Amino acid sequence: MNILADEIMVHPGKEISDGIGNLVRNEQTAREIKKGLARHGWCSLLVALIQLIEKVNKTIGLVADTAKRALKNALSNRLPGHIADQLKDAVVDLVVDRVWSALTRLLDAHFPLLGADTVRVLRMLAVFACPSVERHRDVYQHALVPLTGDGQGLVAEEIKAQVTTLFTAWWQRKGPATAP
């Protein structure tokens, strides 16, 4: 998160401030523009970026579904005809799902901007950058509410893992005695 925050908000800050100063010769007007950006400019920009990435991901999802169907059809047509349809479908699903999973991991590695982690970080930045989340509907709706859901899911998974570990250790200590 710190890397993204630095790259989006800290490093370009001086350049943007200087750029505004060069564009707007009136110092008072330049100061008002900068204050306007500080009010809700950054958080609005981050929400717009979140929404853009979500739209791109949704489009990629639609294309991915079409591509997976095409791969399944192509592989199904290549398998011998004497295999039962149910077995052929199961084999095709297994193979294409494995290949697709590898492709998805490859895309995530090469295009991390589109990943869930990036969107989560952008949401955090939008919440931190917003001077009044309770009054900024877009930040509340597109950043805070999804983060709350993420947090509940992450906490639930961590608690589940801890309970499983604790129960397993307890069971090993307190389990039924072995018969003589």
N, C-alpha and C. Protein backbone atom coordinates (compact mmCIF):
# COMPACT_ATOMS: atom_id res chain seq x y z
N MET A 1 0.83 -1.19 0.00
CA MET A 1 0.00 0.00 0.00
C MET A 1 0.88 1.25 0.00
N ASN A 2 1.97 1.20 0.75
CA ASN A 2 2.85 2.37 0.82
C ASN A 2 3.44 2.70 -0.55
N ILE A 3 3.82 1.67 -1.29
CA ILE A 3 4.41 1.89 -2.62
C ILE A 3 3.40 2.58 -3.52
N LEU A 4 2.17 2.05 -3.56
CA LEU A 4 1.14 2.64 -4.41
C LEU A 4 0.79 4.05 -3.95
N ALA A 5 0.71 4.24 -2.64
CA ALA A 5 0.40 5.58 -2.11
C ALA A 5 1.49 6.57 -2.50
N ASP A 6 2.74 6.15 -2.38
CA ASP A 6 3.84 7.03 -2.78
C ASP A 6 3.78 7.38 -4.26
N GLU A 7 3.54 6.37 -5.08
CA GLU A 7 3.54 6.59 -6.53
C GLU A 7 2.34 7.42 -7.01
N ILE A 8 1.21 7.26 -6.34
CA ILE A 8 0.01 7.97 -6.78
C ILE A 8 -0.12 9.34 -6.14
N MET A 9 0.19 9.42 -4.86
CA MET A 9 -0.14 10.64 -4.13
C MET A 9 1.06 11.46 -3.67
N VAL A 10 2.18 10.85 -3.35
CA VAL A 10 3.29 11.60 -2.78
C VAL A 10 4.23 12.12 -3.88
N HIS A 11 4.78 11.20 -4.68
CA HIS A 11 5.75 11.61 -5.70
C HIS A 11 5.20 12.65 -6.68
N PRO A 12 4.02 12.43 -7.24
CA PRO A 12 3.55 13.45 -8.19
C PRO A 12 3.03 14.72 -7.52
N GLY A 13 2.91 14.71 -6.20
CA GLY A 13 2.35 15.87 -5.49
C GLY A 13 3.07 17.17 -5.78
N LYS A 14 4.38 17.16 -5.68
CA LYS A 14 5.17 18.38 -5.94
C LYS A 14 5.05 18.79 -7.40
N GLU A 15 5.12 17.78 -8.30
CA GLU A 15 4.98 18.09 -9.74
C GLU A 15 3.62 18.72 -10.04
N ILE A 16 2.59 18.16 -9.45
CA ILE A 16 1.24 18.67 -9.68
C ILE A 16 1.11 20.08 -9.11
N SER A 17 1.61 20.25 -7.89
CA SER A 17 1.54 21.57 -7.27
C SER A 17 2.29 22.60 -8.12
N ASP A 18 3.50 22.24 -8.57
CA ASP A 18 4.27 23.15 -9.42
C ASP A 18 3.55 23.39 -10.75
N GLY A 19 2.96 22.33 -11.29
CA GLY A 19 2.24 22.45 -12.55
C GLY A 19 1.05 23.39 -12.44
N ILE A 20 0.32 23.28 -11.34
CA ILE A 20 -0.81 24.19 -11.11
C ILE A 20 -0.29 25.62 -10.99
N GLY A 21 0.81 25.77 -10.27
CA GLY A 21 1.41 27.10 -10.12
C GLY A 21 1.82 27.69 -11.46
N ASN A 22 2.32 26.86 -12.39
CA ASN A 22 2.72 27.34 -13.71
C ASN A 22 1.51 27.63 -14.60
N LEU A 23 0.45 26.84 -14.44
CA LEU A 23 -0.76 27.05 -15.27
C LEU A 23 -1.54 28.27 -14.82
N VAL A 24 -1.63 28.44 -13.51
CA VAL A 24 -2.44 29.50 -12.94
C VAL A 24 -1.50 30.53 -12.31
N ARG A 25 -1.39 31.64 -12.96
CA ARG A 25 -0.44 32.67 -12.48
C ARG A 25 -0.92 33.36 -11.20
N ASN A 26 -2.24 33.42 -11.00
CA ASN A 26 -2.77 34.06 -9.81
C ASN A 26 -2.58 33.10 -8.63
N GLU A 27 -1.81 33.51 -7.66
CA GLU A 27 -1.47 32.66 -6.52
C GLU A 27 -2.70 32.24 -5.72
N GLN A 28 -3.64 33.15 -5.53
CA GLN A 28 -4.87 32.85 -4.78
C GLN A 28 -5.68 31.78 -5.52
N THR A 29 -5.83 31.90 -6.82
CA THR A 29 -6.57 30.91 -7.61
C THR A 29 -5.86 29.56 -7.55
N ALA A 30 -4.55 29.55 -7.67
CA ALA A 30 -3.78 28.31 -7.59
C ALA A 30 -3.99 27.64 -6.24
N ARG A 31 -3.99 28.43 -5.18
CA ARG A 31 -4.21 27.90 -3.83
C ARG A 31 -5.62 27.30 -3.70
N GLU A 32 -6.62 27.95 -4.28
CA GLU A 32 -8.00 27.44 -4.23
C GLU A 32 -8.11 26.12 -4.99
N ILE A 33 -7.44 26.03 -6.14
CA ILE A 33 -7.46 24.78 -6.91
C ILE A 33 -6.82 23.66 -6.09
N LYS A 34 -5.72 23.95 -5.46
CA LYS A 34 -5.03 22.95 -4.65
C LYS A 34 -5.90 22.52 -3.46
N LYS A 35 -6.58 23.49 -2.84
CA LYS A 35 -7.49 23.15 -1.73
C LYS A 35 -8.64 22.28 -2.23
N GLY A 36 -9.14 22.60 -3.43
CA GLY A 36 -10.21 21.80 -4.02
C GLY A 36 -9.78 20.36 -4.22
N LEU A 37 -8.55 20.18 -4.70
CA LEU A 37 -8.01 18.82 -4.85
C LEU A 37 -7.89 18.14 -3.49
N ALA A 38 -7.48 18.90 -2.49
CA ALA A 38 -7.30 18.33 -1.15
C ALA A 38 -8.64 17.95 -0.52
N ARG A 39 -9.70 18.69 -0.86
CA ARG A 39 -11.01 18.38 -0.28
C ARG A 39 -11.49 17.01 -0.70
N HIS A 40 -11.79 16.84 -1.96
CA HIS A 40 -12.30 15.54 -2.42
C HIS A 40 -11.76 15.17 -3.79
N GLY A 41 -10.76 15.88 -4.27
CA GLY A 41 -10.20 15.57 -5.58
C GLY A 41 -9.50 14.23 -5.63
N TRP A 42 -8.61 13.99 -4.65
CA TRP A 42 -7.84 12.74 -4.65
C TRP A 42 -8.74 11.54 -4.43
N CYS A 43 -9.62 11.62 -3.47
CA CYS A 43 -10.48 10.47 -3.18
C CYS A 43 -11.44 10.21 -4.34
N SER A 44 -11.91 11.28 -5.00
CA SER A 44 -12.77 11.09 -6.17
C SER A 44 -12.01 10.43 -7.31
N LEU A 45 -10.77 10.84 -7.49
CA LEU A 45 -9.92 10.24 -8.52
C LEU A 45 -9.68 8.76 -8.23
N LEU A 46 -9.41 8.43 -6.98
CA LEU A 46 -9.18 7.03 -6.60
C LEU A 46 -10.44 6.18 -6.81
N VAL A 47 -11.60 6.72 -6.46
CA VAL A 47 -12.85 5.99 -6.68
C VAL A 47 -13.08 5.76 -8.18
N ALA A 48 -12.79 6.77 -8.98
CA ALA A 48 -12.93 6.61 -10.43
C ALA A 48 -12.00 5.52 -10.95
N LEU A 49 -10.79 5.46 -10.41
CA LEU A 49 -9.84 4.42 -10.81
C LEU A 49 -10.33 3.04 -10.37
N ILE A 50 -10.87 2.95 -9.17
CA ILE A 50 -11.46 1.69 -8.69
C ILE A 50 -12.57 1.23 -9.62
N GLN A 51 -13.47 2.14 -9.96
CA GLN A 51 -14.59 1.79 -10.85
C GLN A 51 -14.09 1.38 -12.23
N LEU A 52 -13.07 2.05 -12.73
CA LEU A 52 -12.52 1.70 -14.04
C LEU A 52 -11.93 0.28 -14.01
N ILE A 53 -11.14 -0.02 -12.99
CA ILE A 53 -10.55 -1.36 -12.88
C ILE A 53 -11.65 -2.41 -12.74
N GLU A 54 -12.69 -2.11 -11.97
CA GLU A 54 -13.80 -3.06 -11.83
C GLU A 54 -14.49 -3.31 -13.18
N LYS A 55 -14.68 -2.26 -13.97
CA LYS A 55 -15.29 -2.42 -15.29
C LYS A 55 -14.41 -3.25 -16.21
N VAL A 56 -13.11 -2.97 -16.18
CA VAL A 56 -12.16 -3.74 -17.00
C VAL A 56 -12.20 -5.21 -16.58
N ASN A 57 -12.19 -5.46 -15.28
CA ASN A 57 -12.22 -6.84 -14.79
C ASN A 57 -13.52 -7.54 -15.17
N LYS A 58 -14.62 -6.81 -15.14
CA LYS A 58 -15.90 -7.40 -15.52
C LYS A 58 -15.88 -7.76 -17.01
N THR A 59 -15.34 -6.88 -17.83
CA THR A 59 -15.23 -7.14 -19.26
C THR A 59 -14.32 -8.33 -19.51
N ILE A 60 -13.20 -8.37 -18.80
CA ILE A 60 -12.28 -9.50 -18.93
C ILE A 60 -12.99 -10.80 -18.52
N GLY A 61 -13.79 -10.72 -17.49
CA GLY A 61 -14.56 -11.90 -17.05
C GLY A 61 -15.50 -12.39 -18.13
N LEU A 62 -16.18 -11.47 -18.81
CA LEU A 62 -17.08 -11.87 -19.89
C LEU A 62 -16.31 -12.50 -21.04
N VAL A 63 -15.18 -11.89 -21.39
CA VAL A 63 -14.33 -12.44 -22.46
C VAL A 63 -13.78 -13.79 -22.03
N ALA A 64 -13.40 -13.91 -20.77
CA ALA A 64 -12.85 -15.16 -20.26
C ALA A 64 -13.87 -16.29 -20.35
N ASP A 65 -15.11 -16.01 -20.00
CA ASP A 65 -16.15 -17.04 -20.09
C ASP A 65 -16.32 -17.52 -21.53
N THR A 66 -16.33 -16.59 -22.45
CA THR A 66 -16.45 -16.94 -23.87
C THR A 66 -15.24 -17.75 -24.33
N ALA A 67 -14.06 -17.33 -23.91
CA ALA A 67 -12.83 -18.03 -24.29
C ALA A 67 -12.82 -19.45 -23.71
N LYS A 68 -13.22 -19.59 -22.46
CA LYS A 68 -13.26 -20.93 -21.84
C LYS A 68 -14.22 -21.84 -22.59
N ARG A 69 -15.38 -21.32 -22.96
CA ARG A 69 -16.34 -22.14 -23.72
C ARG A 69 -15.74 -22.56 -25.05
N ALA A 70 -15.04 -21.64 -25.71
CA ALA A 70 -14.41 -21.96 -26.99
C ALA A 70 -13.34 -23.04 -26.81
N LEU A 71 -12.53 -22.94 -25.77
CA LEU A 71 -11.52 -23.97 -25.50
C LEU A 71 -12.16 -25.32 -25.22
N LYS A 72 -13.23 -25.30 -24.44
CA LYS A 72 -13.92 -26.56 -24.12
C LYS A 72 -14.50 -27.19 -25.38
N ASN A 73 -15.08 -26.37 -26.24
CA ASN A 73 -15.62 -26.91 -27.49
C ASN A 73 -14.52 -27.48 -28.36
N ALA A 74 -13.40 -26.77 -28.46
CA ALA A 74 -12.29 -27.23 -29.30
C ALA A 74 -11.73 -28.55 -28.79
N LEU A 75 -11.53 -28.65 -27.49
CA LEU A 75 -10.99 -29.89 -26.93
C LEU A 75 -12.00 -31.02 -27.04
N SER A 76 -13.24 -30.73 -26.79
CA SER A 76 -14.28 -31.75 -26.88
C SER A 76 -14.36 -32.34 -28.29
N ASN A 77 -14.18 -31.49 -29.30
CA ASN A 77 -14.22 -31.96 -30.69
C ASN A 77 -13.01 -32.82 -31.04
N ARG A 78 -11.92 -32.70 -30.28
CA ARG A 78 -10.69 -33.45 -30.56
C ARG A 78 -10.66 -34.81 -29.86
N LEU A 79 -11.49 -35.00 -28.85
CA LEU A 79 -11.49 -36.27 -28.13
C LEU A 79 -12.24 -37.32 -28.94
N PRO A 80 -11.84 -38.59 -28.78
CA PRO A 80 -12.50 -39.66 -29.53
C PRO A 80 -14.00 -39.70 -29.30
N GLY A 81 -14.73 -40.01 -30.34
CA GLY A 81 -16.18 -40.00 -30.29
C GLY A 81 -16.79 -41.13 -29.48
N HIS A 82 -16.02 -42.19 -29.22
CA HIS A 82 -16.60 -43.34 -28.51
C HIS A 82 -16.64 -43.15 -27.00
N ILE A 83 -16.08 -42.05 -26.49
CA ILE A 83 -16.14 -41.76 -25.06
C ILE A 83 -17.53 -41.24 -24.73
N ALA A 84 -18.09 -41.71 -23.63
CA ALA A 84 -19.42 -41.26 -23.20
C ALA A 84 -19.41 -39.74 -23.00
N ASP A 85 -20.50 -39.11 -23.39
CA ASP A 85 -20.59 -37.64 -23.31
C ASP A 85 -20.32 -37.11 -21.91
N GLN A 86 -20.85 -37.79 -20.90
CA GLN A 86 -20.66 -37.34 -19.53
C GLN A 86 -19.19 -37.38 -19.15
N LEU A 87 -18.50 -38.46 -19.50
CA LEU A 87 -17.08 -38.58 -19.21
C LEU A 87 -16.27 -37.57 -20.00
N LYS A 88 -16.62 -37.39 -21.27
CA LYS A 88 -15.92 -36.42 -22.12
C LYS A 88 -16.06 -35.02 -21.53
N ASP A 89 -17.27 -34.66 -21.12
CA ASP A 89 -17.49 -33.33 -20.52
C ASP A 89 -16.67 -33.14 -19.25
N ALA A 90 -16.62 -34.19 -18.41
CA ALA A 90 -15.87 -34.10 -17.16
C ALA A 90 -14.38 -33.94 -17.44
N VAL A 91 -13.85 -34.69 -18.40
CA VAL A 91 -12.43 -34.58 -18.75
C VAL A 91 -12.13 -33.20 -19.33
N VAL A 92 -12.96 -32.73 -20.23
CA VAL A 92 -12.76 -31.41 -20.83
C VAL A 92 -12.80 -30.33 -19.77
N ASP A 93 -13.77 -30.40 -18.85
CA ASP A 93 -13.85 -29.41 -17.77
C ASP A 93 -12.59 -29.43 -16.92
N LEU A 94 -12.12 -30.62 -16.57
CA LEU A 94 -10.92 -30.76 -15.76
C LEU A 94 -9.71 -30.14 -16.44
N VAL A 95 -9.47 -30.48 -17.70
CA VAL A 95 -8.30 -30.00 -18.43
C VAL A 95 -8.37 -28.49 -18.64
N VAL A 96 -9.48 -28.01 -19.13
CA VAL A 96 -9.60 -26.57 -19.42
C VAL A 96 -9.54 -25.76 -18.13
N ASP A 97 -10.15 -26.23 -17.05
CA ASP A 97 -10.08 -25.51 -15.78
C ASP A 97 -8.65 -25.40 -15.27
N ARG A 98 -7.87 -26.48 -15.42
CA ARG A 98 -6.46 -26.45 -14.98
C ARG A 98 -5.64 -25.48 -15.84
N VAL A 99 -5.82 -25.55 -17.14
CA VAL A 99 -5.09 -24.66 -18.05
C VAL A 99 -5.52 -23.22 -17.79
N TRP A 100 -6.80 -23.00 -17.62
CA TRP A 100 -7.31 -21.64 -17.39
C TRP A 100 -6.78 -21.08 -16.08
N SER A 101 -6.68 -21.92 -15.06
CA SER A 101 -6.14 -21.49 -13.77
C SER A 101 -4.69 -21.02 -13.94
N ALA A 102 -3.92 -21.75 -14.71
CA ALA A 102 -2.52 -21.35 -14.96
C ALA A 102 -2.46 -20.03 -15.73
N LEU A 103 -3.32 -19.87 -16.71
CA LEU A 103 -3.36 -18.61 -17.47
C LEU A 103 -3.75 -17.44 -16.59
N THR A 104 -4.69 -17.66 -15.72
CA THR A 104 -5.15 -16.62 -14.80
C THR A 104 -4.02 -16.18 -13.88
N ARG A 105 -3.27 -17.16 -13.34
CA ARG A 105 -2.13 -16.81 -12.47
C ARG A 105 -1.07 -16.04 -13.26
N LEU A 106 -0.87 -16.43 -14.51
CA LEU A 106 0.09 -15.73 -15.36
C LEU A 106 -0.34 -14.28 -15.59
N LEU A 107 -1.62 -14.09 -15.88
CA LEU A 107 -2.13 -12.73 -16.08
C LEU A 107 -2.01 -11.91 -14.80
N ASP A 108 -2.34 -12.51 -13.66
CA ASP A 108 -2.22 -11.80 -12.39
C ASP A 108 -0.78 -11.37 -12.13
N ALA A 109 0.17 -12.24 -12.50
CA ALA A 109 1.58 -11.92 -12.29
C ALA A 109 2.06 -10.80 -13.20
N HIS A 110 1.55 -10.76 -14.42
CA HIS A 110 2.02 -9.76 -15.39
C HIS A 110 1.19 -8.49 -15.42
N PHE A 111 -0.03 -8.56 -14.93
CA PHE A 111 -0.90 -7.39 -14.91
C PHE A 111 -1.49 -7.21 -13.51
N PRO A 112 -0.65 -6.97 -12.51
CA PRO A 112 -1.15 -6.88 -11.14
C PRO A 112 -2.09 -5.71 -10.91
N LEU A 113 -2.06 -4.71 -11.79
CA LEU A 113 -2.94 -3.56 -11.64
C LEU A 113 -4.40 -3.98 -11.61
N LEU A 114 -4.73 -5.06 -12.31
CA LEU A 114 -6.11 -5.49 -12.40
C LEU A 114 -6.51 -6.44 -11.26
N GLY A 115 -5.59 -6.73 -10.36
CA GLY A 115 -5.86 -7.69 -9.30
C GLY A 115 -6.66 -7.13 -8.14
N ALA A 116 -7.20 -8.06 -7.36
CA ALA A 116 -8.02 -7.68 -6.20
C ALA A 116 -7.19 -6.93 -5.16
N ASP A 117 -5.92 -7.27 -5.03
CA ASP A 117 -5.07 -6.57 -4.05
C ASP A 117 -4.92 -5.10 -4.40
N THR A 118 -4.77 -4.80 -5.68
CA THR A 118 -4.63 -3.40 -6.11
C THR A 118 -5.91 -2.64 -5.82
N VAL A 119 -7.04 -3.23 -6.13
CA VAL A 119 -8.33 -2.57 -5.87
C VAL A 119 -8.49 -2.35 -4.37
N ARG A 120 -8.11 -3.33 -3.55
CA ARG A 120 -8.22 -3.19 -2.10
C ARG A 120 -7.34 -2.03 -1.61
N VAL A 121 -6.12 -1.94 -2.13
CA VAL A 121 -5.23 -0.85 -1.73
C VAL A 121 -5.79 0.50 -2.17
N LEU A 122 -6.32 0.57 -3.39
CA LEU A 122 -6.93 1.82 -3.86
C LEU A 122 -8.10 2.22 -2.98
N ARG A 123 -8.87 1.26 -2.53
CA ARG A 123 -9.98 1.55 -1.62
C ARG A 123 -9.47 2.12 -0.31
N MET A 124 -8.40 1.50 0.23
CA MET A 124 -7.82 2.01 1.47
C MET A 124 -7.32 3.44 1.29
N LEU A 125 -6.64 3.68 0.19
CA LEU A 125 -6.13 5.03 -0.08
C LEU A 125 -7.27 6.03 -0.20
N ALA A 126 -8.36 5.62 -0.86
CA ALA A 126 -9.50 6.54 -1.00
C ALA A 126 -10.08 6.89 0.35
N VAL A 127 -10.18 5.89 1.23
CA VAL A 127 -10.71 6.15 2.57
C VAL A 127 -9.76 7.05 3.35
N PHE A 128 -8.46 6.78 3.27
CA PHE A 128 -7.48 7.60 4.00
C PHE A 128 -7.37 9.01 3.42
N ALA A 129 -7.53 9.14 2.12
CA ALA A 129 -7.38 10.45 1.47
C ALA A 129 -8.61 11.33 1.64
N CYS A 130 -9.76 10.71 1.90
CA CYS A 130 -11.00 11.47 1.97
C CYS A 130 -11.12 12.22 3.30
N PRO A 131 -11.35 13.53 3.23
CA PRO A 131 -11.46 14.30 4.48
C PRO A 131 -12.75 14.01 5.25
N SER A 132 -13.78 13.50 4.58
CA SER A 132 -15.03 13.19 5.30
C SER A 132 -15.78 12.09 4.55
N VAL A 133 -15.41 10.86 4.85
CA VAL A 133 -16.01 9.69 4.17
C VAL A 133 -17.52 9.67 4.37
N GLU A 134 -17.97 10.08 5.55
CA GLU A 134 -19.41 10.04 5.83
C GLU A 134 -20.20 10.99 4.94
N ARG A 135 -19.54 11.98 4.35
CA ARG A 135 -20.22 12.93 3.47
C ARG A 135 -19.91 12.70 2.00
N HIS A 136 -19.03 11.77 1.71
CA HIS A 136 -18.64 11.50 0.33
C HIS A 136 -19.20 10.13 -0.07
N ARG A 137 -20.37 10.18 -0.68
CA ARG A 137 -21.13 8.97 -0.98
C ARG A 137 -20.33 7.95 -1.80
N ASP A 138 -19.61 8.41 -2.83
CA ASP A 138 -18.86 7.49 -3.69
C ASP A 138 -17.76 6.76 -2.92
N VAL A 139 -17.05 7.47 -2.05
CA VAL A 139 -16.00 6.82 -1.26
C VAL A 139 -16.64 5.83 -0.30
N TYR A 140 -17.74 6.22 0.31
CA TYR A 140 -18.43 5.32 1.23
C TYR A 140 -18.89 4.06 0.50
N GLN A 141 -19.54 4.26 -0.65
CA GLN A 141 -20.14 3.15 -1.40
C GLN A 141 -19.11 2.27 -2.10
N HIS A 142 -18.09 2.86 -2.72
CA HIS A 142 -17.16 2.09 -3.55
C HIS A 142 -15.85 1.75 -2.85
N ALA A 143 -15.61 2.32 -1.68
CA ALA A 143 -14.36 2.03 -0.97
C ALA A 143 -14.62 1.45 0.42
N LEU A 144 -15.33 2.19 1.26
CA LEU A 144 -15.50 1.77 2.65
C LEU A 144 -16.35 0.51 2.79
N VAL A 145 -17.49 0.48 2.15
CA VAL A 145 -18.37 -0.69 2.28
C VAL A 145 -17.69 -1.97 1.77
N PRO A 146 -17.07 -1.95 0.57
CA PRO A 146 -16.37 -3.17 0.14
C PRO A 146 -15.21 -3.56 1.07
N LEU A 147 -14.51 -2.58 1.62
CA LEU A 147 -13.42 -2.89 2.56
C LEU A 147 -13.96 -3.56 3.82
N THR A 148 -15.11 -3.11 4.27
CA THR A 148 -15.72 -3.72 5.45
C THR A 148 -16.03 -5.18 5.17
N GLY A 149 -16.56 -5.46 3.98
CA GLY A 149 -16.83 -6.85 3.60
C GLY A 149 -15.56 -7.66 3.49
N ASP A 150 -14.51 -7.07 2.91
CA ASP A 150 -13.21 -7.76 2.82
C ASP A 150 -12.69 -8.07 4.21
N GLY A 151 -12.79 -7.09 5.09
CA GLY A 151 -12.29 -7.27 6.45
C GLY A 151 -13.00 -8.40 7.17
N GLN A 152 -14.31 -8.46 7.03
CA GLN A 152 -15.06 -9.53 7.67
C GLN A 152 -14.65 -10.89 7.12
N GLY A 153 -14.46 -10.97 5.81
CA GLY A 153 -14.03 -12.22 5.19
C GLY A 153 -12.64 -12.63 5.64
N LEU A 154 -11.71 -11.67 5.66
CA LEU A 154 -10.34 -11.97 6.08
C LEU A 154 -10.29 -12.38 7.54
N VAL A 155 -11.01 -11.67 8.38
CA VAL A 155 -11.02 -12.01 9.80
C VAL A 155 -11.66 -13.38 9.99
N ALA A 156 -12.75 -13.65 9.29
CA ALA A 156 -13.42 -14.94 9.42
C ALA A 156 -12.48 -16.08 9.03
N GLU A 157 -11.72 -15.93 7.96
CA GLU A 157 -10.79 -16.96 7.52
C GLU A 157 -9.68 -17.15 8.55
N GLU A 158 -9.17 -16.04 9.09
CA GLU A 158 -8.09 -16.14 10.08
C GLU A 158 -8.60 -16.83 11.35
N ILE A 159 -9.79 -16.47 11.78
CA ILE A 159 -10.37 -17.10 12.97
C ILE A 159 -10.59 -18.59 12.72
N LYS A 160 -11.10 -18.92 11.53
CA LYS A 160 -11.32 -20.32 11.18
C LYS A 160 -10.00 -21.11 11.25
N ALA A 161 -8.94 -20.54 10.71
CA ALA A 161 -7.64 -21.21 10.73
C ALA A 161 -7.14 -21.38 12.16
N GLN A 162 -7.32 -20.33 13.00
CA GLN A 162 -6.85 -20.42 14.38
C GLN A 162 -7.65 -21.45 15.17
N VAL A 163 -8.96 -21.49 14.97
CA VAL A 163 -9.80 -22.46 15.67
C VAL A 163 -9.43 -23.88 15.24
N THR A 164 -9.19 -24.06 13.94
CA THR A 164 -8.79 -25.39 13.45
C THR A 164 -7.48 -25.82 14.08
N THR A 165 -6.52 -24.91 14.14
CA THR A 165 -5.22 -25.22 14.74
C THR A 165 -5.39 -25.54 16.22
N LEU A 166 -6.15 -24.71 16.92
CA LEU A 166 -6.38 -24.91 18.34
C LEU A 166 -7.09 -26.24 18.60
N PHE A 167 -8.15 -26.50 17.82
CA PHE A 167 -8.92 -27.73 18.01
C PHE A 167 -8.07 -28.96 17.72
N THR A 168 -7.26 -28.88 16.67
CA THR A 168 -6.40 -30.01 16.32
C THR A 168 -5.41 -30.28 17.45
N ALA A 169 -4.80 -29.23 17.98
CA ALA A 169 -3.86 -29.39 19.09
C ALA A 169 -4.58 -29.95 20.31
N TRP A 170 -5.77 -29.45 20.60
CA TRP A 170 -6.55 -29.93 21.74
C TRP A 170 -6.91 -31.39 21.57
N TRP A 171 -7.34 -31.76 20.37
CA TRP A 171 -7.76 -33.13 20.09
C TRP A 171 -6.59 -34.09 20.30
N GLN A 172 -5.40 -33.66 19.89
CA GLN A 172 -4.23 -34.51 20.06
C GLN A 172 -3.89 -34.70 21.53
N ARG A 173 -4.12 -33.68 22.34
CA ARG A 173 -3.84 -33.77 23.77
C ARG A 173 -4.97 -34.48 24.52
N LYS A 174 -6.22 -34.18 24.14
CA LYS A 174 -7.38 -34.65 24.92
C LYS A 174 -8.17 -35.74 24.19
N GLY A 175 -7.67 -36.22 23.08
CA GLY A 175 -8.40 -37.20 22.28
C GLY A 175 -8.69 -38.45 23.05
N PRO A 176 -9.52 -39.30 22.47
CA PRO A 176 -9.89 -40.53 23.17
C PRO A 176 -8.65 -41.41 23.40
N ALA A 177 -8.62 -41.98 24.56
CA ALA A 177 -7.48 -42.85 24.90
C ALA A 177 -7.54 -44.09 24.03
N THR A 178 -6.39 -44.58 23.70
CA THR A 178 -6.36 -45.80 22.89
C THR A 178 -6.65 -47.00 23.77
N ALA A 179 -7.30 -47.97 23.22
CA ALA A 179 -7.67 -49.17 23.97
C ALA A 179 -6.42 -50.01 24.25
N PRO A 180 -6.34 -50.64 25.45
CA PRO A 180 -5.16 -51.43 25.77
C PRO A 180 -5.05 -52.69 24.94
